[in-house]
Amino acid sequence: MSSLKEELLQTIETAPEGAIEQTLIYLKTLLQNQPSLRPGSGRSLLRHAGKWQGDDFEDCLQSVYHTRSEAQF
């Protein structure tokens, strides 16, 4: 079990009934409003592939090259 779940369960053990009830209602609300997470197919991006609009492609590309930096993890 993850430490976050363990901490939640330990806190529930000592919480008053009213707080547990409010927490449960809040959690159910969060879960209902949670969008389903599924990996995208990329299909929406492919609709726009090769369809650059405008005459600033080279300027935008150079801007990306000049402003990018190494990823920091």
Protein backbone atom coordinates (compact mmCIF):
# COMPACT_ATOMS: atom_id res chain seq x y z
CA MET A 1 0.00 0.00 0.00
CA SER A 2 1.32 3.46 -0.81
CA SER A 3 2.40 5.70 2.02
CA LEU A 4 -0.24 8.23 1.01
CA LYS A 5 -3.02 5.67 1.42
CA GLU A 6 -1.53 4.53 4.72
CA GLU A 7 -1.44 8.11 5.97
CA LEU A 8 -5.04 8.65 4.88
CA LEU A 9 -6.21 5.49 6.64
CA GLN A 10 -4.33 6.42 9.83
CA THR A 11 -5.90 9.86 9.81
CA ILE A 12 -9.37 8.39 9.27
CA GLU A 13 -8.86 6.17 12.33
CA THR A 14 -8.61 9.23 14.59
CA ALA A 15 -11.01 11.58 12.78
CA PRO A 16 -14.48 12.34 14.14
CA GLU A 17 -17.44 10.79 12.29
CA GLY A 18 -18.58 14.17 10.88
CA ALA A 19 -15.20 14.84 9.32
CA ILE A 20 -15.12 11.36 7.79
CA GLU A 21 -18.59 11.89 6.31
CA GLN A 22 -17.63 15.25 4.78
CA THR A 23 -14.41 13.76 3.43
CA LEU A 24 -16.28 10.87 1.82
CA ILE A 25 -18.74 13.24 0.14
CA TYR A 26 -15.86 15.38 -1.12
CA LEU A 27 -13.95 12.36 -2.44
CA LYS A 28 -17.02 11.02 -4.26
CA THR A 29 -17.53 14.45 -5.86
CA LEU A 30 -13.91 14.53 -6.99
CA LEU A 31 -14.18 11.08 -8.51
CA GLN A 32 -17.41 11.90 -10.36
CA ASN A 33 -15.87 14.99 -11.95
CA GLN A 34 -12.63 13.20 -12.85
CA PRO A 35 -12.22 12.94 -16.61
CA SER A 36 -11.40 9.49 -17.84
CA LEU A 37 -7.70 9.26 -18.51
CA ARG A 38 -6.91 7.29 -21.60
CA PRO A 39 -3.95 7.70 -23.88
CA GLY A 40 -4.64 9.78 -26.94
CA SER A 41 -4.42 8.25 -30.37
CA GLY A 42 -2.77 11.29 -31.92
CA ARG A 43 -5.55 11.37 -34.49
CA SER A 44 -6.49 14.95 -33.63
CA LEU A 45 -2.91 16.07 -34.24
CA LEU A 46 -2.70 14.25 -37.55
CA ARG A 47 -5.65 16.24 -38.87
CA HIS A 48 -3.40 19.31 -38.77
CA ALA A 49 -0.17 17.70 -39.99
CA GLY A 50 1.36 19.53 -42.91
CA LYS A 51 -1.12 22.39 -42.69
CA TRP A 52 1.00 25.26 -41.40
CA GLN A 53 -0.86 28.52 -41.83
CA GLY A 54 1.10 31.71 -42.26
CA ASP A 55 4.54 32.74 -43.39
CA ASP A 56 6.35 32.68 -40.03
CA PHE A 57 7.26 29.00 -39.83
CA GLU A 58 11.03 29.59 -40.06
CA ASP A 59 10.84 32.40 -37.47
CA CYS A 60 8.90 30.16 -35.07
CA LEU A 61 11.28 27.27 -35.61
CA GLN A 62 14.31 29.47 -34.94
CA SER A 63 12.60 30.83 -31.82
CA VAL A 64 12.18 27.28 -30.54
CA TYR A 65 15.83 26.48 -31.22
CA HIS A 66 17.03 29.65 -29.48
CA THR A 67 14.84 29.36 -26.37
CA ARG A 68 14.90 25.65 -25.60
CA SER A 69 17.04 24.32 -22.79
CA GLU A 70 17.99 20.98 -21.31
CA ALA A 71 15.26 19.23 -19.37
CA GLN A 72 15.81 19.17 -15.63
CA PHE A 73 14.44 16.22 -13.72
